[in-house]
Each structure stands twice: as C-alpha cells, then as structure tokens.
Amino acid sequence: MDTVSARRSVSDELRLLLGLLSELPSTAEQDAVAAQEKQVQVGSYEGLISAQHKFDLKEAMLSQKPEFKADWELLKRQFDVGRYRDKKGIIRRRMASERNFRPDGWGFHWKTEEDRFRLVFDAFCHKWVLYGMEGERPLLQKLSVNVTPFGTMIFVPRYWSFDHKRDLKWKAVARLHRSRDVHRQGVKLSSGQLARYQEGVRACRLCQQAKAAGLKGVALTGWVMGTLGWDPRTDERQLRRLLRETKPHGGPQTSKKAG
C-alpha cells in the first residue's frame, strides 16, 4: 500500500506475490474458523471430541504421579524456571512441525543457560506428553482438531487409546472442514468434475478471446456458448455459474447443489 500511495513502480516480485494470493475466504468460512480458533485459544476442544473423560483421567493421574513430581522438582532446582514463563505463567515446549521436520534452531545447543533449559524442558515434555507447564500444573496434550491454511489436522496423543467411532464428533469435524467450500468426491464424481473444470477453463479462454475481439454482453456470451457447442436455448446464467466455479487457483470444482 505504501508503494501504491507513493506512486512508485511495483516490482516483478511483488506482482508475482499478488498474482499468487488466493481469493478472500467466504464470510461463512471466516466465521467458522474464527469460532474454532477462539476455542483453541482457551484450550477447549469439547465441541469436537466426545471422550473428554480420557483426558481428565490421564491429567488427574499425572498430577499425582510421584515420578512426574520428582522430575519437575529436579528441573526447578537446576533452573530458575520463572525466567521462562510468559505473561500467563506458562512455559511452552518448542513447537513440533509437520511430518517431524525440524526448523532452524532445533539443533543441539548447550552454550547458554537458556539453550540448556530449552533442551531439558523439551525432553521433560516429551517424557510426559506435555505441551508445557502452567505454574505447577502439567499441560497434557489433548486429542485435538485444528484448522490450518493447508487442511484440517487431527492430533491424537501417543498415550490415547483411540476409538475412531466414539472419540470424535465426526459430524462437527466434517462441518468445520467443509466450511472451506469442500465438495463431495468419489470415482464417479471425479470424472464429471474434471470434465466440467476443463470446460470451464476453455470457457474462460474463450471469454478472453471474445473481449479482445470487442464482443460484449449478449454477443459475447452467445459466441462463447456457441463455440462450446451448447444448445442455443441454454440460459446464459449457466455460463456465468461455470466461470465462477472455475477458480484461478483451484482444481476441479462442483456446485454445492450438484456435489
């Protein structure tokens, strides 16, 4: 915005970035994701899971486990843990990445006290399946469902005896996932979706050609539909719908009514 306001030329790299940006998510998608993230912020997944009792039992048992208490007391004697608490009094382990990839900073560093504390605390959290400590309370990993920019991630802690039929509220999970304009898929549907998508791509190209030739309005839509081989009696709204479904950065799409 500063570049535009100052009327400076836009670099090729910035043009590339802007061209790659996807369309703004729909209001329904934004509302659904925002509502879920508010629950995640306070550590609540009860709206998506139906086995909270498994977590409650494990958390209660862990807090009373002598070996856990001994490890925590030893860690506190070795380090001034108060230095590493955030404003909420929480110490968090380092974040695990997708597919166990390790970002920069995950190497073994033992030079400073903070380096040593982070390594020891990570090992402590790994041993007891924690994502951190809040005061004297262990923050046990939960069965969780999270929306990410690339998909919906379901995390099952390693201590959890997972029952895929009973532990998750699958209708609620599916509703959250589908809020991002996800359509039904299948072998039969896929072939039809691909054919429609290919026709949509062709229709977009024909529209560009028609505009370049100076065609507008009814003349443009009539020429495009005729070139596509559609019946002359076809309502032009079907062409507009096809063009909307053929998104520039997506794969084959289908209307919600059809798919």
Protein backbone atom coordinates (compact mmCIF):
# COMPACT_ATOMS: atom_id res chain seq x y z
CA MET A 1 0.00 0.00 0.00
CA ASP A 2 2.90 2.36 0.73
CA THR A 3 4.27 1.66 -2.74
CA VAL A 4 0.94 2.42 -4.40
CA SER A 5 0.32 5.53 -2.30
CA ALA A 6 3.75 6.88 -3.19
CA ARG A 7 3.07 6.06 -6.86
CA ARG A 8 6.24 4.04 -7.07
CA SER A 9 6.57 1.27 -9.62
CA VAL A 10 5.69 -2.22 -8.42
CA SER A 11 8.48 -4.78 -8.70
CA ASP A 12 8.06 -8.01 -10.63
CA GLU A 13 8.46 -9.98 -7.39
CA LEU A 14 5.57 -8.08 -5.79
CA ARG A 15 3.42 -8.58 -8.88
CA LEU A 16 4.14 -12.30 -8.65
CA LEU A 17 3.16 -12.33 -4.97
CA LEU A 18 -0.13 -10.52 -5.62
CA GLY A 19 -0.91 -12.81 -8.52
CA LEU A 20 -0.45 -15.89 -6.34
CA LEU A 21 -2.68 -14.70 -3.50
CA SER A 22 -5.88 -16.72 -3.28
CA GLU A 23 -9.32 -15.19 -3.10
CA LEU A 24 -10.50 -13.96 0.31
CA PRO A 25 -12.31 -16.79 2.15
CA SER A 26 -16.08 -16.51 2.30
CA THR A 27 -17.74 -14.92 5.33
CA ALA A 28 -19.08 -18.33 6.38
CA GLU A 29 -15.57 -19.81 6.28
CA GLN A 30 -14.06 -16.91 8.21
CA ASP A 31 -16.76 -17.15 10.88
CA ALA A 32 -16.37 -20.93 11.27
CA VAL A 33 -12.57 -20.79 11.53
CA ALA A 34 -12.63 -17.78 13.86
CA ALA A 35 -15.08 -19.52 16.20
CA GLN A 36 -12.87 -22.62 16.28
CA GLU A 37 -9.70 -20.62 16.90
CA LYS A 38 -11.32 -18.86 19.86
CA GLN A 39 -11.98 -22.27 21.40
CA VAL A 40 -8.43 -23.41 20.66
CA GLN A 41 -7.06 -20.26 22.31
CA VAL A 42 -8.56 -21.34 25.63
CA GLY A 43 -7.68 -25.00 25.08
CA SER A 44 -11.26 -26.15 24.55
CA TYR A 45 -11.94 -28.93 22.05
CA GLU A 46 -15.06 -30.30 23.71
CA GLY A 47 -17.23 -29.19 20.78
CA LEU A 48 -15.39 -31.64 18.53
CA ILE A 49 -14.48 -34.54 20.83
CA SER A 50 -16.70 -36.85 22.84
CA ALA A 51 -14.11 -38.57 25.05
CA GLN A 52 -13.09 -35.78 27.42
CA HIS A 53 -13.10 -38.32 30.26
CA LYS A 54 -9.95 -39.96 28.84
CA PHE A 55 -8.04 -36.69 29.09
CA ASP A 56 -9.45 -35.84 32.54
CA LEU A 57 -8.39 -39.20 33.96
CA LYS A 58 -4.89 -39.06 32.48
CA GLU A 59 -4.37 -35.47 33.68
CA ALA A 60 -5.51 -36.31 37.23
CA MET A 61 -3.25 -39.36 37.39
CA LEU A 62 -0.25 -37.45 36.02
CA SER A 63 -0.55 -34.65 38.60
CA GLN A 64 -0.34 -37.24 41.40
CA LYS A 65 2.40 -39.40 39.88
CA PRO A 66 5.49 -39.36 42.15
CA GLU A 67 7.93 -39.78 39.28
CA PHE A 68 6.47 -36.79 37.44
CA LYS A 69 6.65 -34.64 40.58
CA ALA A 70 10.26 -35.72 41.16
CA ASP A 71 11.25 -34.78 37.60
CA TRP A 72 9.60 -31.37 37.88
CA GLU A 73 11.21 -30.62 41.26
CA LEU A 74 14.62 -31.62 39.95
CA LEU A 75 14.17 -29.37 36.92
CA LYS A 76 13.19 -26.44 39.15
CA ARG A 77 16.25 -26.94 41.35
CA GLN A 78 18.53 -26.92 38.34
CA PHE A 79 16.98 -23.90 36.57
CA ASP A 80 15.18 -20.69 37.51
CA VAL A 81 12.02 -21.65 35.63
CA GLY A 82 10.37 -18.31 36.40
CA ARG A 83 12.64 -16.70 33.81
CA TYR A 84 10.95 -18.68 31.05
CA ARG A 85 7.29 -18.17 31.90
CA ASP A 86 5.15 -15.97 29.66
CA LYS A 87 2.66 -13.36 30.89
CA LYS A 88 0.16 -16.11 31.68
CA GLY A 89 2.71 -18.02 33.75
CA ILE A 90 3.09 -20.72 31.09
CA ILE A 91 6.28 -22.35 29.85
CA ARG A 92 5.82 -23.97 26.44
CA ARG A 93 7.99 -26.52 24.76
CA ARG A 94 9.25 -25.91 21.25
CA MET A 95 6.64 -26.49 18.57
CA ALA A 96 6.72 -29.72 16.59
CA SER A 97 6.46 -29.24 12.82
CA GLU A 98 4.62 -31.12 10.09
CA ARG A 99 5.87 -34.65 9.42
CA ASN A 100 8.52 -34.24 12.15
CA PHE A 101 10.55 -31.74 10.13
CA ARG A 102 12.76 -29.57 12.29
CA PRO A 103 13.01 -25.83 11.57
CA ASP A 104 16.15 -23.78 12.19
CA GLY A 105 17.00 -23.62 15.87
CA TRP A 106 16.31 -27.29 16.61
CA GLY A 107 19.97 -28.24 16.73
CA PHE A 108 21.71 -29.30 19.92
CA HIS A 109 22.89 -26.08 21.58
CA TRP A 110 24.41 -26.29 25.06
CA LYS A 111 26.29 -23.00 25.34
CA THR A 112 23.93 -20.70 27.27
CA GLU A 113 21.73 -21.48 30.24
CA GLU A 114 18.63 -20.85 28.11
CA ASP A 115 19.91 -23.30 25.50
CA ARG A 116 20.32 -25.94 28.18
CA PHE A 117 16.96 -25.20 29.75
CA ARG A 118 15.11 -25.47 26.44
CA LEU A 119 16.66 -28.84 25.68
CA VAL A 120 15.95 -30.18 29.16
CA PHE A 121 12.40 -28.83 29.17
CA ASP A 122 11.71 -30.32 25.74
CA ALA A 123 12.90 -33.71 27.00
CA PHE A 124 10.71 -33.33 30.10
CA CYS A 125 7.66 -32.53 27.95
CA HIS A 126 8.39 -35.41 25.60
CA LYS A 127 8.63 -37.86 28.50
CA TRP A 128 5.27 -36.82 29.95
CA VAL A 129 3.47 -35.88 26.69
CA LEU A 130 3.08 -32.20 27.57
CA TYR A 131 2.97 -29.02 25.59
CA GLY A 132 4.10 -27.07 28.65
CA MET A 133 3.64 -26.20 32.31
CA GLU A 134 1.26 -23.63 33.78
CA GLY A 135 2.59 -22.90 37.22
CA GLU A 136 2.66 -26.31 38.88
CA ARG A 137 0.06 -27.76 36.52
CA PRO A 138 1.17 -30.03 33.67
CA LEU A 139 -0.41 -29.10 30.35
CA LEU A 140 -1.12 -32.52 28.96
CA GLN A 141 -1.50 -32.92 25.20
CA LYS A 142 -5.14 -33.23 24.16
CA LEU A 143 -6.96 -35.02 21.40
CA SER A 144 -7.46 -32.01 19.15
CA VAL A 145 -8.77 -30.82 15.80
CA ASN A 146 -7.20 -27.72 14.28
CA VAL A 147 -7.77 -25.84 11.06
CA THR A 148 -4.55 -24.88 9.28
CA PRO A 149 -4.02 -22.99 6.00
CA PHE A 150 -3.39 -26.32 4.27
CA GLY A 151 -6.02 -28.53 5.83
CA THR A 152 -7.68 -29.85 8.97
CA MET A 153 -5.26 -31.54 11.36
CA ILE A 154 -6.37 -34.18 13.87
CA PHE A 155 -3.82 -34.84 16.60
CA VAL A 156 -4.02 -37.98 18.74
CA PRO A 157 -1.60 -38.01 21.72
CA ARG A 158 0.51 -41.13 21.97
CA TYR A 159 -0.98 -42.07 25.36
CA TRP A 160 -4.53 -42.03 23.94
CA SER A 161 -6.31 -45.31 23.23
CA PHE A 162 -8.10 -44.02 20.15
CA ASP A 163 -11.60 -45.22 19.28
CA HIS A 164 -12.32 -43.74 15.87
CA LYS A 165 -16.05 -44.32 16.21
CA ARG A 166 -16.61 -42.78 19.63
CA ASP A 167 -13.84 -40.31 20.48
CA LEU A 168 -14.60 -37.60 17.90
CA LYS A 169 -17.81 -35.85 16.94
CA TRP A 170 -17.32 -36.56 13.26
CA LYS A 171 -20.32 -34.54 12.09
CA ALA A 172 -18.92 -31.45 13.81
CA VAL A 173 -15.42 -32.14 12.44
CA ALA A 174 -16.78 -32.59 8.92
CA ARG A 175 -18.86 -29.41 9.23
CA LEU A 176 -15.77 -27.44 10.25
CA HIS A 177 -13.71 -28.92 7.41
CA ARG A 178 -16.44 -28.33 4.81
CA SER A 179 -16.80 -24.70 5.83
CA ARG A 180 -13.94 -24.06 3.40
CA ASP A 181 -16.06 -24.92 0.34
CA VAL A 182 -15.08 -28.58 0.23
CA HIS A 183 -17.24 -30.69 -2.09
CA ARG A 184 -18.14 -34.36 -2.25
CA GLN A 185 -15.65 -36.57 -4.04
CA GLY A 186 -15.65 -40.04 -5.48
CA VAL A 187 -14.63 -42.04 -8.56
CA LYS A 188 -17.82 -41.23 -10.49
CA LEU A 189 -17.95 -37.65 -9.29
CA SER A 190 -14.28 -37.06 -10.11
CA SER A 191 -14.60 -37.77 -13.82
CA GLY A 192 -17.59 -35.43 -14.09
CA GLN A 193 -15.88 -32.71 -12.06
CA LEU A 194 -12.74 -32.90 -14.19
CA ALA A 195 -14.74 -32.64 -17.42
CA ARG A 196 -16.66 -29.65 -16.09
CA TYR A 197 -13.47 -27.99 -14.88
CA GLN A 198 -11.82 -28.46 -18.27
CA GLU A 199 -14.87 -26.97 -19.95
CA GLY A 200 -14.69 -24.05 -17.52
CA VAL A 201 -11.04 -23.43 -18.36
CA ARG A 202 -11.93 -23.41 -22.06
CA ALA A 203 -14.84 -21.05 -21.40
CA CYS A 204 -12.51 -18.62 -19.58
CA ARG A 205 -10.13 -18.60 -22.54
CA LEU A 206 -12.98 -18.05 -24.99
CA CYS A 207 -14.24 -15.12 -22.91
CA GLN A 208 -10.81 -13.53 -23.08
CA GLN A 209 -10.73 -14.01 -26.84
CA ALA A 210 -14.21 -12.53 -27.22
CA LYS A 211 -13.31 -9.48 -25.13
CA ALA A 212 -10.13 -8.99 -27.16
CA ALA A 213 -12.30 -9.04 -30.30
CA GLY A 214 -14.53 -6.34 -28.85
CA LEU A 215 -17.57 -8.50 -28.05
CA LYS A 216 -19.72 -7.55 -25.07
CA GLY A 217 -22.88 -8.62 -23.28
CA VAL A 218 -25.23 -10.97 -25.13
CA ALA A 219 -22.96 -11.11 -28.16
CA LEU A 220 -20.05 -12.29 -26.00
CA THR A 221 -21.99 -14.95 -24.08
CA GLY A 222 -23.73 -16.15 -27.24
CA TRP A 223 -20.44 -16.59 -29.09
CA VAL A 224 -18.80 -18.40 -26.15
CA MET A 225 -21.71 -20.80 -25.64
CA GLY A 226 -21.92 -21.46 -29.37
CA THR A 227 -18.19 -22.19 -29.57
CA LEU A 228 -18.55 -24.56 -26.62
CA GLY A 229 -21.22 -26.39 -28.60
CA TRP A 230 -24.05 -25.61 -26.18
CA ASP A 231 -27.70 -25.60 -27.25
CA PRO A 232 -28.65 -22.07 -28.40
CA ARG A 233 -31.55 -22.13 -25.91
CA THR A 234 -29.16 -22.51 -22.93
CA ASP A 235 -29.67 -19.87 -20.26
CA GLU A 236 -26.61 -17.60 -20.10
CA ARG A 237 -26.65 -17.94 -16.29
CA GLN A 238 -25.23 -21.43 -16.73
CA LEU A 239 -22.16 -19.92 -18.36
CA ARG A 240 -21.73 -17.41 -15.53
CA ARG A 241 -22.03 -20.24 -12.99
CA LEU A 242 -19.41 -22.27 -14.84
CA LEU A 243 -17.00 -19.34 -14.88
CA ARG A 244 -17.46 -18.78 -11.13
CA GLU A 245 -16.76 -22.45 -10.38
CA THR A 246 -13.53 -22.41 -12.39
CA LYS A 247 -11.37 -20.70 -9.83
CA PRO A 248 -7.94 -19.46 -10.93
CA HIS A 249 -6.01 -21.19 -8.11
CA GLY A 250 -8.11 -24.25 -7.54
CA GLY A 251 -8.69 -27.66 -9.02
CA PRO A 252 -11.94 -29.12 -10.30
CA GLN A 253 -14.96 -27.66 -8.51
CA THR A 254 -18.62 -28.53 -8.47
CA SER A 255 -21.65 -26.65 -7.29
CA LYS A 256 -22.95 -27.49 -3.82
CA LYS A 257 -26.28 -28.49 -5.29
CA ALA A 258 -24.69 -30.91 -7.71
CA GLY A 259 -21.95 -32.21 -5.45
